[in-house]
PDB file of N, CA and C in Angstrom:
ATOM      1  N   UNK A   1     133.644 150.458-110.066  1.00  0.00           N
ATOM      2  CA  UNK A   1     134.422 151.502-109.346  1.00  0.00           C
ATOM      3  C   UNK A   1     135.742 151.760-110.079  1.00  0.00           C
ATOM      4  N   UNK A   2     136.187 153.015-110.030  1.00  0.00           N
ATOM      5  CA  UNK A   2     137.440 153.354-110.707  1.00  0.00           C
ATOM      6  C   UNK A   2     138.613 152.673-110.015  1.00  0.00           C
ATOM      7  N   UNK A   3     139.514 152.102-110.793  1.00  0.00           N
ATOM      8  CA  UNK A   3     140.652 151.361-110.230  1.00  0.00           C
ATOM      9  C   UNK A   3     141.549 152.274-109.395  1.00  0.00           C
ATOM     10  N   UNK A   4     141.776 153.495-109.861  1.00  0.00           N
ATOM     11  CA  UNK A   4     142.651 154.426-109.137  1.00  0.00           C
ATOM     12  C   UNK A   4     142.039 154.780-107.780  1.00  0.00           C
ATOM     13  N   UNK A   5     140.722 154.987-107.773  1.00  0.00           N
ATOM     14  CA  UNK A   5     140.027 155.309-106.527  1.00  0.00           C
ATOM     15  C   UNK A   5     140.116 154.136-105.562  1.00  0.00           C
ATOM     16  N   UNK A   6     139.954 152.926-106.097  1.00  0.00           N
ATOM     17  CA  UNK A   6     140.027 151.724-105.268  1.00  0.00           C
ATOM     18  C   UNK A   6     141.431 151.552-104.679  1.00  0.00           C
ATOM     19  N   UNK A   7     142.444 151.829-105.487  1.00  0.00           N
ATOM     20  CA  UNK A   7     143.825 151.718-104.986  1.00  0.00           C
ATOM     21  C   UNK A   7     144.104 152.760-103.919  1.00  0.00           C
ATOM     22  N   UNK A   8     143.583 153.975-104.127  1.00  0.00           N
ATOM     23  CA  UNK A   8     143.774 155.049-103.148  1.00  0.00           C
ATOM     24  C   UNK A   8     143.082 154.692-101.844  1.00  0.00           C
ATOM     25  N   UNK A   9     141.896 154.108-101.946  1.00  0.00           N
ATOM     26  CA  UNK A   9     141.154 153.704-100.747  1.00  0.00           C
ATOM     27  C   UNK A   9     141.909 152.611 -99.999  1.00  0.00           C
ATOM     28  N   UNK A  10     142.476 151.662-100.732  1.00  0.00           N
ATOM     29  CA  UNK A  10     143.233 150.576-100.119  1.00  0.00           C
ATOM     30  C   UNK A  10     144.476 151.118 -99.429  1.00  0.00           C
ATOM     31  N   UNK A  11     145.174 152.043-100.089  1.00  0.00           N
ATOM     32  CA  UNK A  11     146.379 152.642 -99.503  1.00  0.00           C
ATOM     33  C   UNK A  11     146.011 153.413 -98.240  1.00  0.00           C
ATOM     34  N   UNK A  12     144.896 154.128 -98.276  1.00  0.00           N
ATOM     35  CA  UNK A  12     144.447 154.882 -97.112  1.00  0.00           C
ATOM     36  C   UNK A  12     144.115 153.957 -95.955  1.00  0.00           C
ATOM     37  N   UNK A  13     143.494 152.828 -96.260  1.00  0.00           N
ATOM     38  CA  UNK A  13     143.142 151.854 -95.224  1.00  0.00           C
ATOM     39  C   UNK A  13     144.405 151.273 -94.592  1.00  0.00           C
ATOM     40  N   UNK A  14     145.398 150.943 -95.427  1.00  0.00           N
ATOM     41  CA  UNK A  14     146.654 150.400 -94.911  1.00  0.00           C
ATOM     42  C   UNK A  14     147.369 151.431 -94.047  1.00  0.00           C
ATOM     43  N   UNK A  15     147.341 152.701 -94.469  1.00  0.00           N
ATOM     44  CA  UNK A  15     147.991 153.771 -93.723  1.00  0.00           C
ATOM     45  C   UNK A  15     147.298 153.946 -92.366  1.00  0.00           C
ATOM     46  N   UNK A  16     145.975 153.882 -92.374  1.00  0.00           N
ATOM     47  CA  UNK A  16     145.218 154.022 -91.127  1.00  0.00           C
ATOM     48  C   UNK A  16     145.561 152.880 -90.174  1.00  0.00           C
ATOM     49  N   UNK A  17     145.732 151.681 -90.708  1.00  0.00           N
ATOM     50  CA  UNK A  17     146.088 150.527 -89.879  1.00  0.00           C
ATOM     51  C   UNK A  17     147.472 150.725 -89.258  1.00  0.00           C
ATOM     52  N   UNK A  18     148.413 151.212 -90.058  1.00  0.00           N
ATOM     53  CA  UNK A  18     149.774 151.446 -89.567  1.00  0.00           C
ATOM     54  C   UNK A  18     149.776 152.502 -88.470  1.00  0.00           C
ATOM     55  N   UNK A  19     149.027 153.599 -88.691  1.00  0.00           N
ATOM     56  CA  UNK A  19     148.962 154.667 -87.696  1.00  0.00           C
ATOM     57  C   UNK A  19     148.297 154.178 -86.412  1.00  0.00           C
ATOM     58  N   UNK A  20     147.254 153.374 -86.544  1.00  0.00           N
ATOM     59  CA  UNK A  20     146.560 152.842 -85.372  1.00  0.00           C
ATOM     60  C   UNK A  20     147.477 151.915 -84.587  1.00  0.00           C
ATOM     61  N   UNK A  21     148.258 151.112 -85.290  1.00  0.00           N
ATOM     62  CA  UNK A  21     149.188 150.198 -84.631  1.00  0.00           C
ATOM     63  C   UNK A  21     150.277 150.980 -83.902  1.00  0.00           C
ATOM     64  N   UNK A  22     150.787 152.027 -84.548  1.00  0.00           N
ATOM     65  CA  UNK A  22     151.814 152.869 -83.922  1.00  0.00           C
ATOM     66  C   UNK A  22     151.253 153.550 -82.680  1.00  0.00           C
ATOM     67  N   UNK A  23     150.025 154.045 -82.770  1.00  0.00           N
ATOM     68  CA  UNK A  23     149.393 154.704 -81.627  1.00  0.00           C
ATOM     69  C   UNK A  23     149.213 153.714 -80.477  1.00  0.00           C
ATOM     70  N   UNK A  24     148.880 152.474 -80.792  1.00  0.00           N
ATOM     71  CA  UNK A  24     148.707 151.445 -79.763  1.00  0.00           C
ATOM     72  C   UNK A  24     150.039 151.166 -79.076  1.00  0.00           C
ATOM     73  N   UNK A  25     151.110 151.090 -79.841  1.00  0.00           N
ATOM     74  CA  UNK A  25     152.434 150.845 -79.256  1.00  0.00           C
ATOM     75  C   UNK A  25     152.836 151.998 -78.335  1.00  0.00           C
ATOM     76  N   UNK A  26     152.561 153.225 -78.777  1.00  0.00           N
ATOM     77  CA  UNK A  26     152.893 154.399 -77.961  1.00  0.00           C
ATOM     78  C   UNK A  26     152.076 154.392 -76.673  1.00  0.00           C
ATOM     79  N   UNK A  27     150.795 154.076 -76.784  1.00  0.00           N
ATOM     80  CA  UNK A  27     149.925 154.056 -75.611  1.00  0.00           C
ATOM     81  C   UNK A  27     150.365 152.968 -74.632  1.00  0.00           C
ATOM     82  N   UNK A  28     150.787 151.817 -75.171  1.00  0.00           N
ATOM     83  CA  UNK A  28     151.188 150.707 -74.299  1.00  0.00           C
ATOM     84  C   UNK A  28     152.553 150.962 -73.660  1.00  0.00           C
ATOM     85  N   UNK A  29     153.390 151.747 -74.332  1.00  0.00           N
ATOM     86  CA  UNK A  29     154.748 151.974 -73.822  1.00  0.00           C
ATOM     87  C   UNK A  29     154.764 152.970 -72.662  1.00  0.00           C
ATOM     88  N   UNK A  30     153.700 153.757 -72.536  1.00  0.00           N
ATOM     89  CA  UNK A  30     153.679 154.771 -71.477  1.00  0.00           C
ATOM     90  C   UNK A  30     153.252 154.149 -70.150  1.00  0.00           C
TER      91      UNK A  30
END
């Protein structure tokens, strides 16, 4: 697999985790 593609996929996964965590905090705070 291309290294750049793998890094982009990893960054996307980390971003998705951060967004999911933020959404959970918002949902719990309401």
